[in-house]
Protein backbone atom coordinates (compact mmCIF):
# COMPACT_ATOMS: atom_id res chain seq x y z
CA UNK A 1 0.00 0.00 0.00
CA UNK A 2 1.18 3.50 -0.81
CA UNK A 3 -0.22 7.01 -1.18
CA UNK A 4 1.03 10.45 -2.23
CA UNK A 5 -0.50 13.92 -2.38
CA UNK A 6 0.48 17.50 -3.22
CA UNK A 7 -1.21 20.87 -3.80
CA UNK A 8 0.00 23.92 -5.75
CA UNK A 9 1.11 25.00 -9.22
CA UNK A 10 1.67 22.14 -11.72
CA UNK A 11 5.49 22.43 -11.86
CA UNK A 12 5.84 22.52 -8.06
CA UNK A 13 3.35 19.68 -7.63
CA UNK A 14 5.19 17.60 -10.25
CA UNK A 15 8.49 18.07 -8.36
CA UNK A 16 6.89 17.24 -5.00
CA UNK A 17 5.13 14.14 -6.33
CA UNK A 18 8.37 12.92 -7.96
CA UNK A 19 10.18 13.41 -4.64
CA UNK A 20 7.50 11.51 -2.74
CA UNK A 21 7.67 8.60 -5.20
CA UNK A 22 11.49 8.59 -5.09
CA UNK A 23 11.70 8.76 -1.28
CA UNK A 24 8.77 6.45 -0.55
CA UNK A 25 9.28 2.94 0.70
CA UNK A 26 9.54 0.31 -1.99
CA UNK A 27 6.67 -2.14 -2.35
CA UNK A 28 6.47 -5.81 -3.24
CA UNK A 29 7.28 -6.49 -6.91
CA UNK A 30 3.80 -6.24 -8.48
CA UNK A 31 2.80 -3.24 -6.36
CA UNK A 32 6.14 -1.52 -7.08
CA UNK A 33 5.50 -1.85 -10.82
CA UNK A 34 2.09 -0.21 -10.36
CA UNK A 35 3.67 2.55 -8.25
CA UNK A 36 6.25 3.30 -10.96
CA UNK A 37 3.61 3.36 -13.68
CA UNK A 38 1.47 5.75 -11.60
CA UNK A 39 4.49 8.04 -11.13
CA UNK A 40 5.09 8.07 -14.89
CA UNK A 41 1.42 8.80 -15.66
CA UNK A 42 1.29 11.70 -13.22
CA UNK A 43 4.59 13.12 -14.51
CA UNK A 44 3.28 12.97 -18.08
CA UNK A 45 -0.01 14.62 -17.14
CA UNK A 46 1.81 17.47 -15.39
CA UNK A 47 4.59 17.84 -17.97
CA UNK A 48 5.56 21.48 -18.61
CA UNK A 49 5.41 20.84 -22.36
CA UNK A 50 1.75 19.84 -22.15
CA UNK A 51 -0.81 22.53 -21.57
CA UNK A 52 -4.01 20.79 -22.46
CA UNK A 53 -7.31 19.70 -21.11
CA UNK A 54 -7.37 17.03 -18.44
CA UNK A 55 -11.03 16.13 -18.36
CA UNK A 56 -12.82 19.47 -18.02
CA UNK A 57 -9.77 21.30 -16.65
CA UNK A 58 -7.36 23.35 -18.77
CA UNK A 59 -3.94 22.84 -17.18
CA UNK A 60 -1.68 25.89 -17.36
CA UNK A 61 1.38 27.02 -15.38
CA UNK A 62 -0.88 29.35 -13.35
CA UNK A 63 -3.38 26.64 -12.37
CA UNK A 64 -3.67 25.53 -8.78
CA UNK A 65 -4.19 21.80 -8.54
CA UNK A 66 -4.39 18.95 -6.08
CA UNK A 67 -2.92 15.58 -7.00
CA UNK A 68 -3.59 12.41 -5.03
CA UNK A 69 -2.71 8.83 -5.81
CA UNK A 70 -2.86 5.58 -3.86
CA UNK A 71 -2.83 1.86 -4.39
CA UNK A 72 -3.28 -1.25 -2.33
CA UNK A 73 -3.33 -5.00 -2.80
CA UNK A 74 -5.39 -7.57 -0.94
CA UNK A 75 -4.53 -11.28 -1.04
CA UNK A 76 -7.33 -13.67 -0.12
CA UNK A 77 -5.55 -16.94 0.52
CA UNK A 78 -8.77 -18.86 1.13
CA UNK A 79 -10.08 -18.14 -2.38
CA UNK A 80 -6.64 -17.70 -3.94
CA UNK A 81 -7.55 -14.28 -5.34
CA UNK A 82 -5.70 -10.99 -5.48
CA UNK A 83 -7.50 -7.65 -5.59
CA UNK A 84 -5.72 -4.46 -6.51
CA UNK A 85 -6.94 -0.87 -6.19
CA UNK A 86 -5.39 2.15 -7.87
CA UNK A 87 -6.65 5.72 -7.62
CA UNK A 88 -5.15 8.80 -9.30
CA UNK A 89 -6.82 12.20 -9.24
CA UNK A 90 -5.78 15.62 -10.56
CA UNK A 91 -8.24 18.30 -9.48
CA UNK A 92 -8.44 22.05 -10.09
CA UNK A 93 -8.64 24.29 -7.04
């Protein structure tokens, strides 16, 4: 299980999120792969070269945003199933 969050201008949020992913504790192999993919998706969405619509929001350098992401994995050994949850949100403020 992991979670990250940051609020502010896109460039500052991108730096903070990258720092949180880099400094966060590593997860088990499958969960770590998901964590790295989430970091890459968020970095791409907040990239300084991309000023475009994310859903209904126009992302610009002057936007204030809130980014949250989390994931968890649940192993049910009785039924031999694995459930994974991933949530990523980028919201205008």
